[in-house]
């Protein structure tokens, strides 16, 4: 198994120390695995898509505009 170094802010490290019974490397490993699996699924779905980057950008802009209207942000 490969080792990596993970940096966390000092205040978070102090809070983590309060729960010393937790295997934080296992927590990080599971979080990384879930993220990678989600990204792989997105890649798989995107590979089957017929949308172009331009289409995706236009949809993204419409979503932002709609959200801004609902939140009254301009």
C-alpha atoms as a PDB file:
ATOM      1  CA  UNK A   1       0.000   0.000   0.000  1.00  0.00           C
ATOM      2  CA  UNK A   2       1.242   3.488  -0.865  1.00  0.00           C
ATOM      3  CA  UNK A   3       1.588   6.149   1.822  1.00  0.00           C
ATOM      4  CA  UNK A   4       0.601   9.789   1.303  1.00  0.00           C
ATOM      5  CA  UNK A   5       0.987  12.840   3.516  1.00  0.00           C
ATOM      6  CA  UNK A   6      -2.135  14.811   4.328  1.00  0.00           C
ATOM      7  CA  UNK A   7      -2.014  18.349   5.666  1.00  0.00           C
ATOM      8  CA  UNK A   8      -4.804  19.609   7.914  1.00  0.00           C
ATOM      9  CA  UNK A   9      -5.111  22.941   9.732  1.00  0.00           C
ATOM     10  CA  UNK A  10      -3.799  22.980  13.295  1.00  0.00           C
ATOM     11  CA  UNK A  11      -7.241  23.608  14.777  1.00  0.00           C
ATOM     12  CA  UNK A  12      -8.685  20.597  12.957  1.00  0.00           C
ATOM     13  CA  UNK A  13      -5.785  18.437  14.095  1.00  0.00           C
ATOM     14  CA  UNK A  14      -6.488  19.463  17.683  1.00  0.00           C
ATOM     15  CA  UNK A  15     -10.147  18.522  17.298  1.00  0.00           C
ATOM     16  CA  UNK A  16      -9.173  15.187  15.748  1.00  0.00           C
ATOM     17  CA  UNK A  17      -6.915  14.413  18.705  1.00  0.00           C
ATOM     18  CA  UNK A  18      -9.978  14.568  20.938  1.00  0.00           C
ATOM     19  CA  UNK A  19     -11.182  11.416  19.140  1.00  0.00           C
ATOM     20  CA  UNK A  20      -7.949   9.445  19.382  1.00  0.00           C
ATOM     21  CA  UNK A  21      -9.754   6.117  19.052  1.00  0.00           C
ATOM     22  CA  UNK A  22     -10.632   6.948  15.425  1.00  0.00           C
ATOM     23  CA  UNK A  23      -8.309   5.621  12.722  1.00  0.00           C
ATOM     24  CA  UNK A  24      -8.120   8.836  10.725  1.00  0.00           C
ATOM     25  CA  UNK A  25      -6.137   7.232   7.928  1.00  0.00           C
ATOM     26  CA  UNK A  26      -9.074   4.858   7.379  1.00  0.00           C
ATOM     27  CA  UNK A  27     -11.520   7.783   7.346  1.00  0.00           C
ATOM     28  CA  UNK A  28      -9.367   9.575   4.754  1.00  0.00           C
ATOM     29  CA  UNK A  29      -8.927   6.396   2.692  1.00  0.00           C
ATOM     30  CA  UNK A  30     -12.712   5.836   2.533  1.00  0.00           C
ATOM     31  CA  UNK A  31     -13.402   9.477   1.650  1.00  0.00           C
ATOM     32  CA  UNK A  32     -10.817   9.378  -1.148  1.00  0.00           C
ATOM     33  CA  UNK A  33     -12.227   6.101  -2.453  1.00  0.00           C
ATOM     34  CA  UNK A  34     -15.786   7.487  -2.504  1.00  0.00           C
ATOM     35  CA  UNK A  35     -14.630  10.607  -4.334  1.00  0.00           C
ATOM     36  CA  UNK A  36     -12.709   8.594  -6.941  1.00  0.00           C
ATOM     37  CA  UNK A  37     -15.695   6.289  -7.477  1.00  0.00           C
ATOM     38  CA  UNK A  38     -17.949   9.316  -8.001  1.00  0.00           C
ATOM     39  CA  UNK A  39     -15.527  10.829 -10.499  1.00  0.00           C
ATOM     40  CA  UNK A  40     -15.219   7.516 -12.347  1.00  0.00           C
ATOM     41  CA  UNK A  41     -19.004   7.300 -12.574  1.00  0.00           C
ATOM     42  CA  UNK A  42     -19.166  10.849 -13.930  1.00  0.00           C
ATOM     43  CA  UNK A  43     -16.521   9.963 -16.538  1.00  0.00           C
ATOM     44  CA  UNK A  44     -18.491   6.872 -17.532  1.00  0.00           C
ATOM     45  CA  UNK A  45     -21.721   8.845 -17.880  1.00  0.00           C
ATOM     46  CA  UNK A  46     -20.001  11.669 -19.753  1.00  0.00           C
ATOM     47  CA  UNK A  47     -18.460   9.208 -22.212  1.00  0.00           C
ATOM     48  CA  UNK A  48     -21.968   8.121 -23.234  1.00  0.00           C
ATOM     49  CA  UNK A  49     -23.277  11.684 -23.493  1.00  0.00           C
ATOM     50  CA  UNK A  50     -23.904  13.425 -26.781  1.00  0.00           C
ATOM     51  CA  UNK A  51     -23.662  16.873 -25.184  1.00  0.00           C
ATOM     52  CA  UNK A  52     -20.828  19.065 -26.366  1.00  0.00           C
ATOM     53  CA  UNK A  53     -18.804  21.272 -24.044  1.00  0.00           C
ATOM     54  CA  UNK A  54     -20.698  24.236 -25.480  1.00  0.00           C
ATOM     55  CA  UNK A  55     -24.022  22.569 -24.586  1.00  0.00           C
ATOM     56  CA  UNK A  56     -22.800  21.878 -21.045  1.00  0.00           C
ATOM     57  CA  UNK A  57     -21.597  25.483 -20.662  1.00  0.00           C
ATOM     58  CA  UNK A  58     -24.971  26.830 -21.827  1.00  0.00           C
ATOM     59  CA  UNK A  59     -26.842  24.572 -19.397  1.00  0.00           C
ATOM     60  CA  UNK A  60     -24.509  25.671 -16.610  1.00  0.00           C
ATOM     61  CA  UNK A  61     -25.194  29.340 -17.356  1.00  0.00           C
ATOM     62  CA  UNK A  62     -28.954  28.763 -17.309  1.00  0.00           C
ATOM     63  CA  UNK A  63     -28.679  26.989 -13.958  1.00  0.00           C
ATOM     64  CA  UNK A  64     -26.609  29.864 -12.521  1.00  0.00           C
ATOM     65  CA  UNK A  65     -29.100  32.446 -13.812  1.00  0.00           C
ATOM     66  CA  UNK A  66     -32.024  30.518 -12.351  1.00  0.00           C
ATOM     67  CA  UNK A  67     -30.289  30.116  -8.986  1.00  0.00           C
ATOM     68  CA  UNK A  68     -29.385  33.806  -8.922  1.00  0.00           C
ATOM     69  CA  UNK A  69     -33.008  34.779  -9.569  1.00  0.00           C
ATOM     70  CA  UNK A  70     -34.230  32.513  -6.791  1.00  0.00           C
ATOM     71  CA  UNK A  71     -31.635  33.894  -4.399  1.00  0.00           C
ATOM     72  CA  UNK A  72     -32.037  37.448  -5.766  1.00  0.00           C
ATOM     73  CA  UNK A  73     -28.320  37.748  -6.487  1.00  0.00           C
ATOM     74  CA  UNK A  74     -27.252  39.955  -9.346  1.00  0.00           C
END
